[in-house]
PDB file of N, CA and C in Angstrom:
ATOM      1  N   ASN A   1     157.478 116.216  76.001  1.00  0.00           N
ATOM      2  CA  ASN A   1     158.193 115.583  74.901  1.00  0.00           C
ATOM      3  C   ASN A   1     159.277 114.658  75.477  1.00  0.00           C
ATOM      4  N   ASN A   2     159.136 113.375  75.275  1.00  0.00           N
ATOM      5  CA  ASN A   2     160.043 112.394  75.855  1.00  0.00           C
ATOM      6  C   ASN A   2     160.879 111.750  74.748  1.00  0.00           C
ATOM      7  N   ILE A   3     162.022 112.363  74.429  1.00  0.00           N
ATOM      8  CA  ILE A   3     162.886 111.862  73.362  1.00  0.00           C
ATOM      9  C   ILE A   3     164.072 111.142  73.984  1.00  0.00           C
ATOM     10  N   THR A   4     164.325 109.916  73.518  1.00  0.00           N
ATOM     11  CA  THR A   4     165.453 109.122  74.002  1.00  0.00           C
ATOM     12  C   THR A   4     166.750 109.650  73.392  1.00  0.00           C
ATOM     13  N   PRO A   5     167.773 109.903  74.216  1.00  0.00           N
ATOM     14  CA  PRO A   5     169.063 110.333  73.653  1.00  0.00           C
ATOM     15  C   PRO A   5     169.624 109.252  72.727  1.00  0.00           C
ATOM     16  N   ILE A   6     170.344 109.682  71.702  1.00  0.00           N
ATOM     17  CA  ILE A   6     170.857 108.751  70.690  1.00  0.00           C
ATOM     18  C   ILE A   6     171.735 107.666  71.313  1.00  0.00           C
ATOM     19  N   TRP A   7     172.491 107.997  72.374  1.00  0.00           N
ATOM     20  CA  TRP A   7     173.391 107.012  72.988  1.00  0.00           C
ATOM     21  C   TRP A   7     172.647 105.985  73.829  1.00  0.00           C
ATOM     22  N   GLU A   8     171.339 106.183  74.059  1.00  0.00           N
ATOM     23  CA  GLU A   8     170.522 105.216  74.785  1.00  0.00           C
ATOM     24  C   GLU A   8     169.565 104.454  73.872  1.00  0.00           C
ATOM     25  N   SER A   9     169.403 104.939  72.661  1.00  0.00           N
ATOM     26  CA  SER A   9     168.466 104.325  71.727  1.00  0.00           C
ATOM     27  C   SER A   9     168.999 102.980  71.240  1.00  0.00           C
ATOM     28  N   PRO A  10     168.178 101.922  71.315  1.00  0.00           N
ATOM     29  CA  PRO A  10     168.644 100.614  70.859  1.00  0.00           C
ATOM     30  C   PRO A  10     168.772 100.514  69.341  1.00  0.00           C
ATOM     31  N   LEU A  11     167.970 101.295  68.626  1.00  0.00           N
ATOM     32  CA  LEU A  11     167.984 101.254  67.165  1.00  0.00           C
ATOM     33  C   LEU A  11     168.241 102.644  66.605  1.00  0.00           C
ATOM     34  N   LEU A  12     169.080 102.693  65.577  1.00  0.00           N
ATOM     35  CA  LEU A  12     169.395 103.952  64.909  1.00  0.00           C
ATOM     36  C   LEU A  12     169.150 103.793  63.415  1.00  0.00           C
ATOM     37  N   ASN A  13     168.665 104.859  62.770  1.00  0.00           N
ATOM     38  CA  ASN A  13     168.599 104.788  61.316  1.00  0.00           C
ATOM     39  C   ASN A  13     170.014 105.039  60.776  1.00  0.00           C
ATOM     40  N   VAL A  14     170.200 104.907  59.493  1.00  0.00           N
ATOM     41  CA  VAL A  14     171.539 104.992  58.902  1.00  0.00           C
ATOM     42  C   VAL A  14     172.185 106.350  59.184  1.00  0.00           C
ATOM     43  N   GLU A  15     171.427 107.428  59.074  1.00  0.00           N
ATOM     44  CA  GLU A  15     171.980 108.760  59.309  1.00  0.00           C
ATOM     45  C   GLU A  15     172.368 108.942  60.774  1.00  0.00           C
ATOM     46  N   GLU A  16     171.526 108.473  61.690  1.00  0.00           N
ATOM     47  CA  GLU A  16     171.851 108.558  63.115  1.00  0.00           C
ATOM     48  C   GLU A  16     173.096 107.741  63.438  1.00  0.00           C
ATOM     49  N   ALA A  17     173.187 106.540  62.870  1.00  0.00           N
ATOM     50  CA  ALA A  17     174.363 105.690  63.093  1.00  0.00           C
ATOM     51  C   ALA A  17     175.621 106.366  62.555  1.00  0.00           C
ATOM     52  N   SER A  18     175.513 107.019  61.416  1.00  0.00           N
ATOM     53  CA  SER A  18     176.642 107.737  60.832  1.00  0.00           C
ATOM     54  C   SER A  18     177.112 108.837  61.777  1.00  0.00           C
ATOM     55  N   ASP A  19     176.184 109.598  62.316  1.00  0.00           N
ATOM     56  CA  ASP A  19     176.525 110.668  63.265  1.00  0.00           C
ATOM     57  C   ASP A  19     177.101 110.090  64.553  1.00  0.00           C
ATOM     58  N   TYR A  20     176.478 109.064  65.075  1.00  0.00           N
ATOM     59  CA  TYR A  20     176.880 108.474  66.358  1.00  0.00           C
ATOM     60  C   TYR A  20     178.278 107.872  66.297  1.00  0.00           C
ATOM     61  N   PHE A  21     178.551 107.104  65.245  1.00  0.00           N
ATOM     62  CA  PHE A  21     179.830 106.405  65.131  1.00  0.00           C
ATOM     63  C   PHE A  21     180.903 107.211  64.392  1.00  0.00           C
ATOM     64  N   HIS A  22     180.525 108.380  63.842  1.00  0.00           N
ATOM     65  CA  HIS A  22     181.461 109.208  63.069  1.00  0.00           C
ATOM     66  C   HIS A  22     182.027 108.422  61.888  1.00  0.00           C
ATOM     67  N   ILE A  23     181.126 107.722  61.217  1.00  0.00           N
ATOM     68  CA  ILE A  23     181.452 106.933  60.024  1.00  0.00           C
ATOM     69  C   ILE A  23     180.504 107.402  58.927  1.00  0.00           C
ATOM     70  N   GLY A  24     180.979 107.455  57.714  1.00  0.00           N
ATOM     71  CA  GLY A  24     180.137 107.902  56.610  1.00  0.00           C
ATOM     72  C   GLY A  24     178.933 106.987  56.378  1.00  0.00           C
ATOM     73  N   VAL A  25     177.890 107.568  55.820  1.00  0.00           N
ATOM     74  CA  VAL A  25     176.655 106.825  55.534  1.00  0.00           C
ATOM     75  C   VAL A  25     176.937 105.616  54.647  1.00  0.00           C
ATOM     76  N   ASN A  26     177.768 105.785  53.633  1.00  0.00           N
ATOM     77  CA  ASN A  26     178.071 104.666  52.728  1.00  0.00           C
ATOM     78  C   ASN A  26     178.786 103.537  53.460  1.00  0.00           C
ATOM     79  N   LYS A  27     179.692 103.874  54.376  1.00  0.00           N
ATOM     80  CA  LYS A  27     180.404 102.842  55.142  1.00  0.00           C
ATOM     81  C   LYS A  27     179.433 102.124  56.082  1.00  0.00           C
ATOM     82  N   ILE A  28     178.515 102.854  56.693  1.00  0.00           N
ATOM     83  CA  ILE A  28     177.490 102.223  57.541  1.00  0.00           C
ATOM     84  C   ILE A  28     176.685 101.237  56.699  1.00  0.00           C
ATOM     85  N   ARG A  29     176.299 101.639  55.510  1.00  0.00           N
ATOM     86  CA  ARG A  29     175.540 100.736  54.624  1.00  0.00           C
ATOM     87  C   ARG A  29     176.383  99.513  54.261  1.00  0.00           C
ATOM     88  N   ASP A  30     177.670  99.705  53.973  1.00  0.00           N
ATOM     89  CA  ASP A  30     178.563  98.578  53.659  1.00  0.00           C
ATOM     90  C   ASP A  30     178.643  97.600  54.833  1.00  0.00           C
ATOM     91  N   LEU A  31     178.803  98.131  56.038  1.00  0.00           N
ATOM     92  CA  LEU A  31     178.926  97.289  57.237  1.00  0.00           C
ATOM     93  C   LEU A  31     177.637  96.539  57.559  1.00  0.00           C
ATOM     94  N   THR A  32     176.515  97.063  57.082  1.00  0.00           N
ATOM     95  CA  THR A  32     175.223  96.492  57.473  1.00  0.00           C
ATOM     96  C   THR A  32     174.461  95.876  56.306  1.00  0.00           C
ATOM     97  N   ASN A  33     175.154  95.585  55.210  1.00  0.00           N
ATOM     98  CA  ASN A  33     174.511  94.926  54.068  1.00  0.00           C
ATOM     99  C   ASN A  33     174.303  93.440  54.353  1.00  0.00           C
ATOM    100  N   GLY A  34     173.383  92.843  53.637  1.00  0.00           N
ATOM    101  CA  GLY A  34     173.144  91.410  53.741  1.00  0.00           C
ATOM    102  C   GLY A  34     171.867  91.093  54.482  1.00  0.00           C
ATOM    103  N   ASP A  35     171.242  90.012  54.085  1.00  0.00           N
ATOM    104  CA  ASP A  35     169.950  89.626  54.656  1.00  0.00           C
ATOM    105  C   ASP A  35     170.035  89.212  56.120  1.00  0.00           C
ATOM    106  N   ASN A  36     171.086  88.528  56.497  1.00  0.00           N
ATOM    107  CA  ASN A  36     171.201  88.009  57.862  1.00  0.00           C
ATOM    108  C   ASN A  36     172.247  88.765  58.670  1.00  0.00           C
ATOM    109  N   ASN A  37     172.408  90.041  58.391  1.00  0.00           N
ATOM    110  CA  ASN A  37     173.398  90.849  59.094  1.00  0.00           C
ATOM    111  C   ASN A  37     172.985  91.004  60.557  1.00  0.00           C
ATOM    112  N   PRO A  38     173.874  90.672  61.512  1.00  0.00           N
ATOM    113  CA  PRO A  38     173.512  90.709  62.925  1.00  0.00           C
ATOM    114  C   PRO A  38     173.352  92.120  63.491  1.00  0.00           C
ATOM    115  N   TYR A  39     173.733  93.145  62.729  1.00  0.00           N
ATOM    116  CA  TYR A  39     173.676  94.523  63.221  1.00  0.00           C
ATOM    117  C   TYR A  39     172.448  95.278  62.734  1.00  0.00           C
ATOM    118  N   VAL A  40     171.576  94.599  62.001  1.00  0.00           N
ATOM    119  CA  VAL A  40     170.439  95.271  61.369  1.00  0.00           C
ATOM    120  C   VAL A  40     169.121  94.604  61.730  1.00  0.00           C
ATOM    121  N   LEU A  41     168.127  95.440  61.971  1.00  0.00           N
ATOM    122  CA  LEU A  41     166.746  94.991  62.068  1.00  0.00           C
ATOM    123  C   LEU A  41     166.023  95.668  60.912  1.00  0.00           C
ATOM    124  N   TRP A  42     165.517  94.862  59.989  1.00  0.00           N
ATOM    125  CA  TRP A  42     164.779  95.413  58.857  1.00  0.00           C
ATOM    126  C   TRP A  42     163.326  95.590  59.257  1.00  0.00           C
ATOM    127  N   ILE A  43     162.809  96.777  59.094  1.00  0.00           N
ATOM    128  CA  ILE A  43     161.395  97.068  59.324  1.00  0.00           C
ATOM    129  C   ILE A  43     160.846  97.449  57.955  1.00  0.00           C
ATOM    130  N   GLY A  44     160.264  96.453  57.292  1.00  0.00           N
ATOM    131  CA  GLY A  44     159.891  96.626  55.888  1.00  0.00           C
ATOM    132  C   GLY A  44     161.177  96.794  55.090  1.00  0.00           C
ATOM    133  N   THR A  45     161.315  97.937  54.427  1.00  0.00           N
ATOM    134  CA  THR A  45     162.537  98.215  53.677  1.00  0.00           C
ATOM    135  C   THR A  45     163.460  99.161  54.442  1.00  0.00           C
ATOM    136  N   LYS A  46     163.075  99.513  55.664  1.00  0.00           N
ATOM    137  CA  LYS A  46     163.871 100.438  56.469  1.00  0.00           C
ATOM    138  C   LYS A  46     164.928  99.682  57.267  1.00  0.00           C
ATOM    139  N   ARG A  47     166.177 100.092  57.127  1.00  0.00           N
ATOM    140  CA  ARG A  47     167.323  99.487  57.794  1.00  0.00           C
ATOM    141  C   ARG A  47     167.531 100.204  59.131  1.00  0.00           C
ATOM    142  N   MET A  48     167.335  99.492  60.225  1.00  0.00           N
ATOM    143  CA  MET A  48     167.577 100.041  61.555  1.00  0.00           C
ATOM    144  C   MET A  48     168.805  99.351  62.138  1.00  0.00           C
ATOM    145  N   ILE A  49     169.756 100.134  62.586  1.00  0.00           N
ATOM    146  CA  ILE A  49     171.030  99.622  63.085  1.00  0.00           C
ATOM    147  C   ILE A  49     170.902  99.317  64.572  1.00  0.00           C
ATOM    148  N   LYS A  50     171.326  98.122  64.957  1.00  0.00           N
ATOM    149  CA  LYS A  50     171.347  97.742  66.376  1.00  0.00           C
ATOM    150  C   LYS A  50     172.591  98.387  66.986  1.00  0.00           C
ATOM    151  N   ARG A  51     172.385  99.511  67.673  1.00  0.00           N
ATOM    152  CA  ARG A  51     173.483 100.345  68.159  1.00  0.00           C
ATOM    153  C   ARG A  51     174.492  99.564  68.994  1.00  0.00           C
ATOM    154  N   ALA A  52     174.042  98.844  70.010  1.00  0.00           N
ATOM    155  CA  ALA A  52     174.959  98.155  70.923  1.00  0.00           C
ATOM    156  C   ALA A  52     175.768  97.073  70.211  1.00  0.00           C
ATOM    157  N   LYS A  53     175.125  96.315  69.318  1.00  0.00           N
ATOM    158  CA  LYS A  53     175.835  95.251  68.599  1.00  0.00           C
ATOM    159  C   LYS A  53     176.897  95.816  67.662  1.00  0.00           C
ATOM    160  N   LEU A  54     176.539  96.865  66.924  1.00  0.00           N
ATOM    161  CA  LEU A  54     177.523  97.458  66.012  1.00  0.00           C
ATOM    162  C   LEU A  54     178.640  98.133  66.809  1.00  0.00           C
ATOM    163  N   GLU A  55     178.293  98.747  67.926  1.00  0.00           N
ATOM    164  CA  GLU A  55     179.305  99.378  68.774  1.00  0.00           C
ATOM    165  C   GLU A  55     180.295  98.331  69.297  1.00  0.00           C
ATOM    166  N   GLN A  56     179.770  97.203  69.727  1.00  0.00           N
ATOM    167  CA  GLN A  56     180.611  96.094  70.223  1.00  0.00           C
ATOM    168  C   GLN A  56     181.563  95.616  69.120  1.00  0.00           C
ATOM    169  N   TYR A  57     181.024  95.447  67.923  1.00  0.00           N
ATOM    170  CA  TYR A  57     181.842  95.015  66.782  1.00  0.00           C
ATOM    171  C   TYR A  57     182.942  96.028  66.480  1.00  0.00           C
ATOM    172  N   LEU A  58     182.579  97.311  66.414  1.00  0.00           N
ATOM    173  CA  LEU A  58     183.566  98.341  66.083  1.00  0.00           C
ATOM    174  C   LEU A  58     184.646  98.450  67.147  1.00  0.00           C
ATOM    175  N   LEU A  59     184.283  98.358  68.409  1.00  0.00           N
ATOM    176  CA  LEU A  59     185.278  98.421  69.481  1.00  0.00           C
ATOM    177  C   LEU A  59     186.248  97.240  69.385  1.00  0.00           C
ATOM    178  N   GLY A  60     185.746  96.063  69.061  1.00  0.00           N
ATOM    179  CA  GLY A  60     186.592  94.895  68.913  1.00  0.00           C
ATOM    180  C   GLY A  60     187.480  94.940  67.686  1.00  0.00           C
ATOM    181  N   SER A  61     186.972  95.544  66.623  1.00  0.00           N
ATOM    182  CA  SER A  61     187.705  95.581  65.360  1.00  0.00           C
ATOM    183  C   SER A  61     188.792  96.636  65.326  1.00  0.00           C
ATOM    184  N   TYR A  62     188.563  97.742  66.013  1.00  0.00           N
ATOM    185  CA  TYR A  62     189.459  98.887  65.853  1.00  0.00           C
ATOM    186  C   TYR A  62     190.194  99.256  67.137  1.00  0.00           C
ATOM    187  N   SER A  63     190.124  98.394  68.162  1.00  0.00           N
ATOM    188  CA  SER A  63     190.846  98.716  69.391  1.00  0.00           C
ATOM    189  C   SER A  63     192.336  98.439  69.207  1.00  0.00           C
ATOM    190  N   ALA A  64     193.137  99.177  69.924  1.00  0.00           N
ATOM    191  CA  ALA A  64     194.604  99.059  69.788  1.00  0.00           C
ATOM    192  C   ALA A  64     195.140  97.853  70.529  1.00  0.00           C
TER     193      ALA A  64
END
């Protein structure tokens, strides 16, 4: 069984992103809304979060 750890996975679903970033599911959805959102890869109707891009954004937005 070869499972990629969440911190190495390039794409996270909304629940995984919520757990990884310690942000609520609704806030993750708010941050990733919009058709041309740079943090999302849409696979059909499934919202996949680009972990590294969102992490970069959050570090820049909330650093002291």
